[in-house]
All heavy atoms as atom14 arrays in JSON, in Angstrom:
{
  "sequence": "PKEIRRLVGYMPDFFGVYDDMKVIEYLEFFAAAYRIRGPERRRVCDEK",
  "atom14_mask": [
    [1, 1, 1, 1, 1, 1, 1, 0, 0, 0, 0, 0, 0, 0],
    [1, 1, 1, 1, 1, 1, 1, 1, 1, 0, 0, 0, 0, 0],
    [1, 1, 1, 1, 1, 1, 1, 1, 1, 0, 0, 0, 0, 0],
    [1, 1, 1, 1, 1, 1, 1, 1, 0, 0, 0, 0, 0, 0],
    [1, 1, 1, 1, 1, 1, 1, 1, 1, 1, 1, 0, 0, 0],
    [1, 1, 1, 1, 1, 1, 1, 1, 1, 1, 1, 0, 0, 0],
    [1, 1, 1, 1, 1, 1, 1, 1, 0, 0, 0, 0, 0, 0],
    [1, 1, 1, 1, 1, 1, 1, 0, 0, 0, 0, 0, 0, 0],
    [1, 1, 1, 1, 0, 0, 0, 0, 0, 0, 0, 0, 0, 0],
    [1, 1, 1, 1, 1, 1, 1, 1, 1, 1, 1, 1, 0, 0],
    [1, 1, 1, 1, 1, 1, 1, 1, 0, 0, 0, 0, 0, 0],
    [1, 1, 1, 1, 1, 1, 1, 0, 0, 0, 0, 0, 0, 0],
    [1, 1, 1, 1, 1, 1, 1, 1, 0, 0, 0, 0, 0, 0],
    [1, 1, 1, 1, 1, 1, 1, 1, 1, 1, 1, 0, 0, 0],
    [1, 1, 1, 1, 1, 1, 1, 1, 1, 1, 1, 0, 0, 0],
    [1, 1, 1, 1, 0, 0, 0, 0, 0, 0, 0, 0, 0, 0],
    [1, 1, 1, 1, 1, 1, 1, 0, 0, 0, 0, 0, 0, 0],
    [1, 1, 1, 1, 1, 1, 1, 1, 1, 1, 1, 1, 0, 0],
    [1, 1, 1, 1, 1, 1, 1, 1, 0, 0, 0, 0, 0, 0],
    [1, 1, 1, 1, 1, 1, 1, 1, 0, 0, 0, 0, 0, 0],
    [1, 1, 1, 1, 1, 1, 1, 1, 0, 0, 0, 0, 0, 0],
    [1, 1, 1, 1, 1, 1, 1, 1, 1, 0, 0, 0, 0, 0],
    [1, 1, 1, 1, 1, 1, 1, 0, 0, 0, 0, 0, 0, 0],
    [1, 1, 1, 1, 1, 1, 1, 1, 0, 0, 0, 0, 0, 0],
    [1, 1, 1, 1, 1, 1, 1, 1, 1, 0, 0, 0, 0, 0],
    [1, 1, 1, 1, 1, 1, 1, 1, 1, 1, 1, 1, 0, 0],
    [1, 1, 1, 1, 1, 1, 1, 1, 0, 0, 0, 0, 0, 0],
    [1, 1, 1, 1, 1, 1, 1, 1, 1, 0, 0, 0, 0, 0],
    [1, 1, 1, 1, 1, 1, 1, 1, 1, 1, 1, 0, 0, 0],
    [1, 1, 1, 1, 1, 1, 1, 1, 1, 1, 1, 0, 0, 0],
    [1, 1, 1, 1, 1, 0, 0, 0, 0, 0, 0, 0, 0, 0],
    [1, 1, 1, 1, 1, 0, 0, 0, 0, 0, 0, 0, 0, 0],
    [1, 1, 1, 1, 1, 0, 0, 0, 0, 0, 0, 0, 0, 0],
    [1, 1, 1, 1, 1, 1, 1, 1, 1, 1, 1, 1, 0, 0],
    [1, 1, 1, 1, 1, 1, 1, 1, 1, 1, 1, 0, 0, 0],
    [1, 1, 1, 1, 1, 1, 1, 1, 0, 0, 0, 0, 0, 0],
    [1, 1, 1, 1, 1, 1, 1, 1, 1, 1, 1, 0, 0, 0],
    [1, 1, 1, 1, 0, 0, 0, 0, 0, 0, 0, 0, 0, 0],
    [1, 1, 1, 1, 1, 1, 1, 0, 0, 0, 0, 0, 0, 0],
    [1, 1, 1, 1, 1, 1, 1, 1, 1, 0, 0, 0, 0, 0],
    [1, 1, 1, 1, 1, 1, 1, 1, 1, 1, 1, 0, 0, 0],
    [1, 1, 1, 1, 1, 1, 1, 1, 1, 1, 1, 0, 0, 0],
    [1, 1, 1, 1, 1, 1, 1, 1, 1, 1, 1, 0, 0, 0],
    [1, 1, 1, 1, 1, 1, 1, 0, 0, 0, 0, 0, 0, 0],
    [1, 1, 1, 1, 1, 1, 0, 0, 0, 0, 0, 0, 0, 0],
    [1, 1, 1, 1, 1, 1, 1, 1, 0, 0, 0, 0, 0, 0],
    [1, 1, 1, 1, 1, 1, 1, 1, 1, 0, 0, 0, 0, 0],
    [1, 1, 1, 1, 1, 1, 1, 1, 1, 0, 0, 0, 0, 0]
  ],
  "atom14_positions": [
    [[69.05, 51.32, -44.99], [68.33, 51.6, -43.72], [68.5, 50.49, -42.71], [68.55, 50.73, -41.49], [66.88, 51.73, -44.2], [66.79, 50.99, -45.49], [68.13, 51.19, -46.15], [0.0, 0.0, 0.0], [0.0, 0.0, 0.0], [0.0, 0.0, 0.0], [0.0, 0.0, 0.0], [0.0, 0.0, 0.0], [0.0, 0.0, 0.0], [0.0, 0.0, 0.0]],
    [[68.56, 49.22, -43.15], [68.7, 48.11, -42.19], [70.04, 48.19, -41.46], [70.1, 47.93, -40.24], [68.57, 46.77, -42.94], [67.15, 46.48, -43.4], [67.09, 45.09, -44.05], [65.66, 44.78, -44.5], [65.57, 43.45, -45.15], [0.0, 0.0, 0.0], [0.0, 0.0, 0.0], [0.0, 0.0, 0.0], [0.0, 0.0, 0.0], [0.0, 0.0, 0.0]],
    [[71.1, 48.52, -42.2], [72.41, 48.65, -41.58], [72.4, 49.78, -40.55], [72.98, 49.66, -39.46], [73.49, 48.94, -42.66], [73.86, 47.73, -43.49], [72.86, 47.44, -44.6], [71.8, 48.12, -44.66], [73.12, 46.55, -45.43], [0.0, 0.0, 0.0], [0.0, 0.0, 0.0], [0.0, 0.0, 0.0], [0.0, 0.0, 0.0], [0.0, 0.0, 0.0]],
    [[71.72, 50.89, -40.89], [71.63, 52.01, -39.96], [70.91, 51.65, -38.67], [71.34, 52.01, -37.57], [70.96, 53.21, -40.63], [71.88, 53.83, -41.7], [70.6, 54.31, -39.6], [71.27, 54.96, -42.48], [0.0, 0.0, 0.0], [0.0, 0.0, 0.0], [0.0, 0.0, 0.0], [0.0, 0.0, 0.0], [0.0, 0.0, 0.0], [0.0, 0.0, 0.0]],
    [[69.85, 50.85, -38.82], [69.09, 50.47, -37.61], [69.88, 49.57, -36.67], [69.65, 49.55, -35.46], [67.79, 49.76, -38.06], [66.79, 50.72, -38.69], [65.65, 50.02, -39.34], [64.88, 50.96, -40.15], [63.95, 50.59, -41.01], [63.64, 49.31, -41.16], [63.28, 51.52, -41.71], [0.0, 0.0, 0.0], [0.0, 0.0, 0.0], [0.0, 0.0, 0.0]],
    [[70.87, 48.85, -37.23], [71.73, 48.05, -36.37], [72.72, 48.92, -35.63], [73.26, 48.54, -34.58], [72.48, 47.01, -37.22], [71.59, 45.94, -37.88], [72.43, 44.86, -38.51], [71.59, 43.89, -39.24], [71.43, 43.92, -40.55], [72.04, 44.82, -41.31], [70.65, 43.01, -41.12], [0.0, 0.0, 0.0], [0.0, 0.0, 0.0], [0.0, 0.0, 0.0]],
    [[73.01, 50.1, -36.2], [74.03, 51.0, -35.62], [73.44, 52.04, -34.68], [74.2, 52.7, -33.94], [74.76, 51.71, -36.77], [75.57, 50.85, -37.72], [75.98, 51.64, -38.94], [76.8, 50.28, -37.01], [0.0, 0.0, 0.0], [0.0, 0.0, 0.0], [0.0, 0.0, 0.0], [0.0, 0.0, 0.0], [0.0, 0.0, 0.0], [0.0, 0.0, 0.0]],
    [[72.12, 52.21, -34.71], [71.47, 53.32, -34.02], [70.61, 52.79, -32.88], [69.91, 51.81, -33.01], [70.63, 54.16, -34.99], [69.7, 55.12, -34.24], [71.53, 54.95, -35.94], [0.0, 0.0, 0.0], [0.0, 0.0, 0.0], [0.0, 0.0, 0.0], [0.0, 0.0, 0.0], [0.0, 0.0, 0.0], [0.0, 0.0, 0.0], [0.0, 0.0, 0.0]],
    [[70.65, 53.53, -31.76], [69.69, 53.33, -30.68], [68.86, 54.59, -30.54], [69.38, 55.64, -30.22], [0.0, 0.0, 0.0], [0.0, 0.0, 0.0], [0.0, 0.0, 0.0], [0.0, 0.0, 0.0], [0.0, 0.0, 0.0], [0.0, 0.0, 0.0], [0.0, 0.0, 0.0], [0.0, 0.0, 0.0], [0.0, 0.0, 0.0], [0.0, 0.0, 0.0]],
    [[67.55, 54.47, -30.81], [66.67, 55.64, -30.78], [65.69, 55.54, -29.63], [64.96, 54.56, -29.5], [65.91, 55.74, -32.1], [64.81, 56.81, -32.12], [65.13, 58.13, -31.95], [63.49, 56.45, -32.28], [64.15, 59.13, -31.95], [62.47, 57.43, -32.3], [62.82, 58.75, -32.12], [61.84, 59.72, -32.11], [0.0, 0.0, 0.0], [0.0, 0.0, 0.0]],
    [[65.7, 56.57, -28.77], [64.73, 56.6, -27.64], [63.82, 57.78, -27.84], [64.26, 58.94, -27.76], [65.48, 56.69, -26.3], [64.55, 56.56, -25.12], [65.42, 56.45, -23.53], [65.66, 58.17, -23.17], [0.0, 0.0, 0.0], [0.0, 0.0, 0.0], [0.0, 0.0, 0.0], [0.0, 0.0, 0.0], [0.0, 0.0, 0.0], [0.0, 0.0, 0.0]],
    [[62.52, 57.56, -28.1], [61.59, 58.66, -28.28], [61.32, 59.36, -26.96], [61.67, 58.85, -25.88], [60.33, 57.99, -28.84], [60.43, 56.56, -28.31], [61.89, 56.24, -28.25], [0.0, 0.0, 0.0], [0.0, 0.0, 0.0], [0.0, 0.0, 0.0], [0.0, 0.0, 0.0], [0.0, 0.0, 0.0], [0.0, 0.0, 0.0], [0.0, 0.0, 0.0]],
    [[60.67, 60.51, -27.06], [60.41, 61.26, -25.84], [59.41, 60.58, -24.94], [59.47, 60.66, -23.72], [59.93, 62.7, -26.16], [58.79, 62.7, -27.14], [58.46, 61.65, -27.69], [58.21, 63.8, -27.37], [0.0, 0.0, 0.0], [0.0, 0.0, 0.0], [0.0, 0.0, 0.0], [0.0, 0.0, 0.0], [0.0, 0.0, 0.0], [0.0, 0.0, 0.0]],
    [[58.44, 59.84, -25.55], [57.48, 59.04, -24.76], [57.45, 57.64, -25.3], [57.35, 57.43, -26.48], [56.09, 59.68, -24.8], [56.0, 61.0, -24.11], [55.97, 62.17, -24.83], [55.91, 61.06, -22.71], [55.9, 63.4, -24.17], [55.83, 62.26, -22.05], [55.82, 63.44, -22.78], [0.0, 0.0, 0.0], [0.0, 0.0, 0.0], [0.0, 0.0, 0.0]],
    [[57.54, 56.68, -24.41], [57.47, 55.28, -24.83], [56.79, 54.49, -23.74], [56.83, 54.86, -22.53], [58.87, 54.69, -25.09], [59.81, 54.79, -23.93], [59.89, 53.77, -22.99], [60.62, 55.91, -23.76], [60.74, 53.85, -21.92], [61.46, 56.0, -22.67], [61.54, 54.99, -21.74], [0.0, 0.0, 0.0], [0.0, 0.0, 0.0], [0.0, 0.0, 0.0]],
    [[56.12, 53.43, -24.11], [55.39, 52.62, -23.13], [56.23, 51.47, -22.63], [57.16, 51.01, -23.28], [0.0, 0.0, 0.0], [0.0, 0.0, 0.0], [0.0, 0.0, 0.0], [0.0, 0.0, 0.0], [0.0, 0.0, 0.0], [0.0, 0.0, 0.0], [0.0, 0.0, 0.0], [0.0, 0.0, 0.0], [0.0, 0.0, 0.0], [0.0, 0.0, 0.0]],
    [[55.92, 51.01, -21.42], [56.49, 49.79, -20.9], [55.35, 48.79, -20.62], [54.21, 49.22, -20.44], [57.27, 50.04, -19.6], [58.49, 50.89, -19.86], [56.41, 50.69, -18.51], [0.0, 0.0, 0.0], [0.0, 0.0, 0.0], [0.0, 0.0, 0.0], [0.0, 0.0, 0.0], [0.0, 0.0, 0.0], [0.0, 0.0, 0.0], [0.0, 0.0, 0.0]],
    [[55.67, 47.53, -20.61], [54.64, 46.52, -20.4], [54.43, 46.34, -18.9], [55.34, 45.88, -18.19], [55.03, 45.2, -21.06], [55.22, 45.38, -22.57], [56.47, 45.31, -23.15], [54.12, 45.61, -23.4], [56.65, 45.48, -24.53], [54.27, 45.78, -24.76], [55.53, 45.69, -25.33], [55.69, 45.88, -26.66], [0.0, 0.0, 0.0], [0.0, 0.0, 0.0]],
    [[53.26, 46.69, -18.41], [53.0, 46.75, -16.97], [53.17, 45.4, -16.29], [53.53, 45.31, -15.11], [51.6, 47.26, -16.69], [51.44, 48.73, -17.11], [52.48, 49.37, -17.36], [50.3, 49.21, -17.17], [0.0, 0.0, 0.0], [0.0, 0.0, 0.0], [0.0, 0.0, 0.0], [0.0, 0.0, 0.0], [0.0, 0.0, 0.0], [0.0, 0.0, 0.0]],
    [[52.88, 44.33, -16.98], [52.9, 43.0, -16.34], [54.27, 42.33, -16.47], [54.42, 41.13, -16.2], [51.84, 42.1, -16.93], [51.96, 41.91, -18.44], [52.73, 42.72, -19.06], [51.31, 41.04, -18.99], [0.0, 0.0, 0.0], [0.0, 0.0, 0.0], [0.0, 0.0, 0.0], [0.0, 0.0, 0.0], [0.0, 0.0, 0.0], [0.0, 0.0, 0.0]],
    [[55.27, 43.07, -16.9], [56.62, 42.53, -17.02], [57.53, 43.1, -15.97], [57.49, 44.3, -15.66], [57.21, 42.88, -18.4], [56.83, 41.97, -19.54], [57.76, 42.35, -21.02], [57.2, 41.05, -22.11], [0.0, 0.0, 0.0], [0.0, 0.0, 0.0], [0.0, 0.0, 0.0], [0.0, 0.0, 0.0], [0.0, 0.0, 0.0], [0.0, 0.0, 0.0]],
    [[58.42, 42.26, -15.48], [59.48, 42.75, -14.6], [60.55, 43.44, -15.48], [60.61, 43.23, -16.7], [60.11, 41.61, -13.82], [59.17, 40.99, -12.82], [59.86, 39.87, -12.05], [58.92, 39.26, -10.99], [59.59, 38.2, -10.24], [0.0, 0.0, 0.0], [0.0, 0.0, 0.0], [0.0, 0.0, 0.0], [0.0, 0.0, 0.0], [0.0, 0.0, 0.0]],
    [[61.38, 44.25, -14.83], [62.39, 45.01, -15.57], [63.27, 44.07, -16.37], [63.54, 44.3, -17.57], [63.25, 45.85, -14.59], [64.51, 46.36, -15.25], [62.42, 47.02, -14.04], [0.0, 0.0, 0.0], [0.0, 0.0, 0.0], [0.0, 0.0, 0.0], [0.0, 0.0, 0.0], [0.0, 0.0, 0.0], [0.0, 0.0, 0.0], [0.0, 0.0, 0.0]],
    [[63.77, 42.98, -15.77], [64.63, 42.08, -16.48], [63.9, 41.37, -17.6], [64.47, 41.12, -18.7], [65.28, 41.04, -15.52], [66.37, 40.26, -16.21], [64.21, 40.15, -14.9], [67.56, 41.06, -16.64], [0.0, 0.0, 0.0], [0.0, 0.0, 0.0], [0.0, 0.0, 0.0], [0.0, 0.0, 0.0], [0.0, 0.0, 0.0], [0.0, 0.0, 0.0]],
    [[62.62, 41.07, -17.41], [61.83, 40.43, -18.47], [61.6, 41.39, -19.63], [61.65, 40.97, -20.81], [60.47, 39.98, -17.9], [60.57, 38.87, -16.88], [59.24, 38.6, -16.18], [58.35, 39.5, -16.22], [59.11, 37.49, -15.61], [0.0, 0.0, 0.0], [0.0, 0.0, 0.0], [0.0, 0.0, 0.0], [0.0, 0.0, 0.0], [0.0, 0.0, 0.0]],
    [[61.41, 42.65, -19.34], [61.23, 43.68, -20.37], [62.46, 43.73, -21.27], [62.37, 43.74, -22.51], [60.98, 45.0, -19.69], [60.82, 46.2, -20.61], [59.61, 46.5, -21.24], [61.92, 47.04, -20.85], [59.51, 47.6, -22.08], [61.8, 48.15, -21.69], [60.6, 48.42, -22.29], [60.48, 49.51, -23.12], [0.0, 0.0, 0.0], [0.0, 0.0, 0.0]],
    [[63.64, 43.79, -20.63], [64.86, 43.86, -21.42], [65.12, 42.56, -22.19], [65.57, 42.62, -23.35], [66.06, 44.14, -20.5], [66.15, 45.55, -19.91], [67.42, 45.72, -19.1], [66.09, 46.61, -21.01], [0.0, 0.0, 0.0], [0.0, 0.0, 0.0], [0.0, 0.0, 0.0], [0.0, 0.0, 0.0], [0.0, 0.0, 0.0], [0.0, 0.0, 0.0]],
    [[64.83, 41.42, -21.58], [65.05, 40.15, -22.3], [64.11, 40.02, -23.49], [64.5, 39.42, -24.53], [64.86, 38.98, -21.34], [66.0, 38.84, -20.31], [65.91, 37.58, -19.51], [64.81, 36.99, -19.43], [66.94, 37.17, -18.96], [0.0, 0.0, 0.0], [0.0, 0.0, 0.0], [0.0, 0.0, 0.0], [0.0, 0.0, 0.0], [0.0, 0.0, 0.0]],
    [[62.92, 40.59, -23.38], [61.99, 40.56, -24.51], [62.6, 41.27, -25.71], [62.59, 40.79, -26.85], [60.67, 41.19, -24.08], [59.68, 41.38, -25.19], [58.91, 40.32, -25.65], [59.53, 42.61, -25.82], [58.0, 40.48, -26.7], [58.65, 42.79, -26.85], [57.86, 41.73, -27.3], [0.0, 0.0, 0.0], [0.0, 0.0, 0.0], [0.0, 0.0, 0.0]],
    [[63.14, 42.48, -25.48], [63.73, 43.25, -26.58], [65.07, 42.66, -26.99], [65.44, 42.73, -28.2], [63.88, 44.71, -26.17], [62.57, 45.47, -26.23], [61.83, 45.68, -25.08], [62.08, 45.94, -27.44], [60.63, 46.35, -25.12], [60.87, 46.6, -27.49], [60.13, 46.81, -26.33], [0.0, 0.0, 0.0], [0.0, 0.0, 0.0], [0.0, 0.0, 0.0]],
    [[65.79, 42.06, -26.08], [67.05, 41.41, -26.47], [66.78, 40.25, -27.43], [67.52, 40.02, -28.38], [67.76, 40.91, -25.23], [0.0, 0.0, 0.0], [0.0, 0.0, 0.0], [0.0, 0.0, 0.0], [0.0, 0.0, 0.0], [0.0, 0.0, 0.0], [0.0, 0.0, 0.0], [0.0, 0.0, 0.0], [0.0, 0.0, 0.0], [0.0, 0.0, 0.0]],
    [[65.65, 39.55, -27.2], [65.27, 38.46, -28.09], [64.95, 39.01, -29.49], [65.27, 38.41, -30.5], [64.08, 37.73, -27.53], [0.0, 0.0, 0.0], [0.0, 0.0, 0.0], [0.0, 0.0, 0.0], [0.0, 0.0, 0.0], [0.0, 0.0, 0.0], [0.0, 0.0, 0.0], [0.0, 0.0, 0.0], [0.0, 0.0, 0.0], [0.0, 0.0, 0.0]],
    [[64.33, 40.22, -29.51], [64.03, 40.85, -30.81], [65.3, 41.21, -31.54], [65.31, 41.24, -32.8], [63.16, 42.09, -30.56], [0.0, 0.0, 0.0], [0.0, 0.0, 0.0], [0.0, 0.0, 0.0], [0.0, 0.0, 0.0], [0.0, 0.0, 0.0], [0.0, 0.0, 0.0], [0.0, 0.0, 0.0], [0.0, 0.0, 0.0], [0.0, 0.0, 0.0]],
    [[66.36, 41.5, -30.79], [67.65, 41.79, -31.42], [68.45, 40.51, -31.7], [69.61, 40.55, -32.06], [68.48, 42.69, -30.5], [68.03, 44.15, -30.42], [67.67, 44.72, -29.24], [67.99, 44.93, -31.6], [67.26, 46.05, -29.17], [67.58, 46.27, -31.54], [67.22, 46.79, -30.32], [66.82, 48.1, -30.27], [0.0, 0.0, 0.0], [0.0, 0.0, 0.0]],
    [[67.79, 39.36, -31.47], [68.38, 38.05, -31.74], [69.59, 37.76, -30.85], [70.57, 37.16, -31.3], [68.75, 37.91, -33.22], [67.51, 38.0, -34.13], [67.87, 37.83, -35.6], [66.67, 37.98, -36.44], [66.71, 37.92, -37.76], [67.86, 37.73, -38.42], [65.56, 38.06, -38.45], [0.0, 0.0, 0.0], [0.0, 0.0, 0.0], [0.0, 0.0, 0.0]],
    [[69.53, 38.26, -29.65], [70.55, 37.91, -28.67], [70.02, 36.71, -27.91], [68.98, 36.76, -27.25], [70.81, 39.06, -27.69], [71.2, 40.34, -28.48], [71.87, 38.71, -26.67], [71.33, 41.57, -27.61], [0.0, 0.0, 0.0], [0.0, 0.0, 0.0], [0.0, 0.0, 0.0], [0.0, 0.0, 0.0], [0.0, 0.0, 0.0], [0.0, 0.0, 0.0]],
    [[70.7, 35.56, -27.99], [70.14, 34.28, -27.55], [70.93, 33.7, -26.38], [72.07, 34.06, -26.12], [70.1, 33.27, -28.7], [69.2, 33.76, -29.86], [69.12, 32.67, -30.91], [68.17, 33.0, -31.98], [68.48, 33.66, -33.07], [69.75, 34.03, -33.26], [67.58, 33.92, -34.0], [0.0, 0.0, 0.0], [0.0, 0.0, 0.0], [0.0, 0.0, 0.0]],
    [[70.3, 32.71, -25.73], [70.95, 31.9, -24.71], [71.46, 32.66, -23.53], [70.93, 33.74, -23.17], [0.0, 0.0, 0.0], [0.0, 0.0, 0.0], [0.0, 0.0, 0.0], [0.0, 0.0, 0.0], [0.0, 0.0, 0.0], [0.0, 0.0, 0.0], [0.0, 0.0, 0.0], [0.0, 0.0, 0.0], [0.0, 0.0, 0.0], [0.0, 0.0, 0.0]],
    [[72.49, 32.19, -22.86], [73.06, 32.83, -21.68], [73.55, 34.24, -21.97], [73.57, 35.1, -21.08], [74.23, 31.91, -21.29], [73.9, 30.57, -21.88], [73.17, 30.88, -23.16], [0.0, 0.0, 0.0], [0.0, 0.0, 0.0], [0.0, 0.0, 0.0], [0.0, 0.0, 0.0], [0.0, 0.0, 0.0], [0.0, 0.0, 0.0], [0.0, 0.0, 0.0]],
    [[73.9, 34.51, -23.23], [74.4, 35.83, -23.62], [73.3, 36.88, -23.4], [73.6, 38.02, -23.04], [74.82, 35.83, -25.08], [75.28, 37.16, -25.65], [76.6, 37.61, -25.08], [77.23, 36.84, -24.29], [77.03, 38.74, -25.39], [0.0, 0.0, 0.0], [0.0, 0.0, 0.0], [0.0, 0.0, 0.0], [0.0, 0.0, 0.0], [0.0, 0.0, 0.0]],
    [[72.04, 36.46, -23.6], [70.94, 37.43, -23.43], [70.86, 37.95, -22.01], [70.76, 39.14, -21.79], [69.62, 36.76, -23.82], [68.43, 37.7, -23.75], [67.12, 36.94, -23.98], [67.16, 36.22, -25.24], [66.28, 35.27, -25.59], [65.33, 34.9, -24.71], [66.36, 34.66, -26.75], [0.0, 0.0, 0.0], [0.0, 0.0, 0.0], [0.0, 0.0, 0.0]],
    [[70.9, 37.04, -21.02], [70.82, 37.47, -19.6], [72.06, 38.29, -19.25], [71.97, 39.29, -18.51], [70.7, 36.25, -18.71], [70.7, 36.55, -17.22], [69.58, 37.48, -16.81], [68.24, 36.92, -17.03], [67.56, 36.24, -16.1], [68.06, 36.06, -14.89], [66.35, 35.77, -16.38], [0.0, 0.0, 0.0], [0.0, 0.0, 0.0], [0.0, 0.0, 0.0]],
    [[73.24, 37.92, -19.75], [74.46, 38.68, -19.44], [74.38, 40.09, -19.98], [74.71, 41.05, -19.27], [75.67, 37.95, -20.05], [77.01, 38.6, -19.66], [78.15, 38.15, -20.54], [77.98, 38.66, -21.91], [78.29, 39.92, -22.26], [78.71, 40.77, -21.37], [78.13, 40.28, -23.53], [0.0, 0.0, 0.0], [0.0, 0.0, 0.0], [0.0, 0.0, 0.0]],
    [[73.91, 40.22, -21.22], [73.8, 41.57, -21.81], [72.78, 42.42, -21.05], [73.03, 43.6, -20.79], [73.38, 41.44, -23.3], [72.96, 42.82, -23.85], [74.55, 40.88, -24.12], [0.0, 0.0, 0.0], [0.0, 0.0, 0.0], [0.0, 0.0, 0.0], [0.0, 0.0, 0.0], [0.0, 0.0, 0.0], [0.0, 0.0, 0.0], [0.0, 0.0, 0.0]],
    [[71.65, 41.85, -20.69], [70.63, 42.61, -19.95], [71.15, 43.08, -18.61], [70.92, 44.21, -18.2], [69.39, 41.76, -19.8], [68.49, 41.41, -21.34], [0.0, 0.0, 0.0], [0.0, 0.0, 0.0], [0.0, 0.0, 0.0], [0.0, 0.0, 0.0], [0.0, 0.0, 0.0], [0.0, 0.0, 0.0], [0.0, 0.0, 0.0], [0.0, 0.0, 0.0]],
    [[71.8, 42.18, -17.89], [72.36, 42.56, -16.58], [73.42, 43.65, -16.75], [73.51, 44.56, -15.92], [73.01, 41.32, -15.91], [71.96, 40.37, -15.37], [70.8, 40.79, -15.15], [72.28, 39.17, -15.16], [0.0, 0.0, 0.0], [0.0, 0.0, 0.0], [0.0, 0.0, 0.0], [0.0, 0.0, 0.0], [0.0, 0.0, 0.0], [0.0, 0.0, 0.0]],
    [[74.22, 43.54, -17.79], [75.26, 44.53, -18.04], [74.66, 45.93, -18.29], [75.13, 46.94, -17.76], [76.1, 44.12, -19.24], [77.18, 45.1, -19.63], [77.89, 44.71, -20.89], [77.34, 45.01, -22.01], [78.95, 44.03, -20.82], [0.0, 0.0, 0.0], [0.0, 0.0, 0.0], [0.0, 0.0, 0.0], [0.0, 0.0, 0.0], [0.0, 0.0, 0.0]],
    [[73.6, 46.0, -19.09], [72.97, 47.28, -19.4], [72.28, 47.87, -18.19], [72.27, 49.08, -17.99], [71.97, 47.14, -20.56], [72.57, 46.56, -21.85], [73.92, 47.17, -22.23], [74.49, 46.51, -23.46], [75.88, 46.95, -23.75], [0.0, 0.0, 0.0], [0.0, 0.0, 0.0], [0.0, 0.0, 0.0], [0.0, 0.0, 0.0], [0.0, 0.0, 0.0]]
  ]
}
């Protein structure tokens, strides 16, 4: 299951966003959860 979660992106029909976060901050928060670090994190977020 862990390998599958690395390969899959799942978007539910309803999901919440953090109201006090900017769009780029929201993405960087989840990028950190995916262990994307340093300058690479900002580059990946901007790319998406």
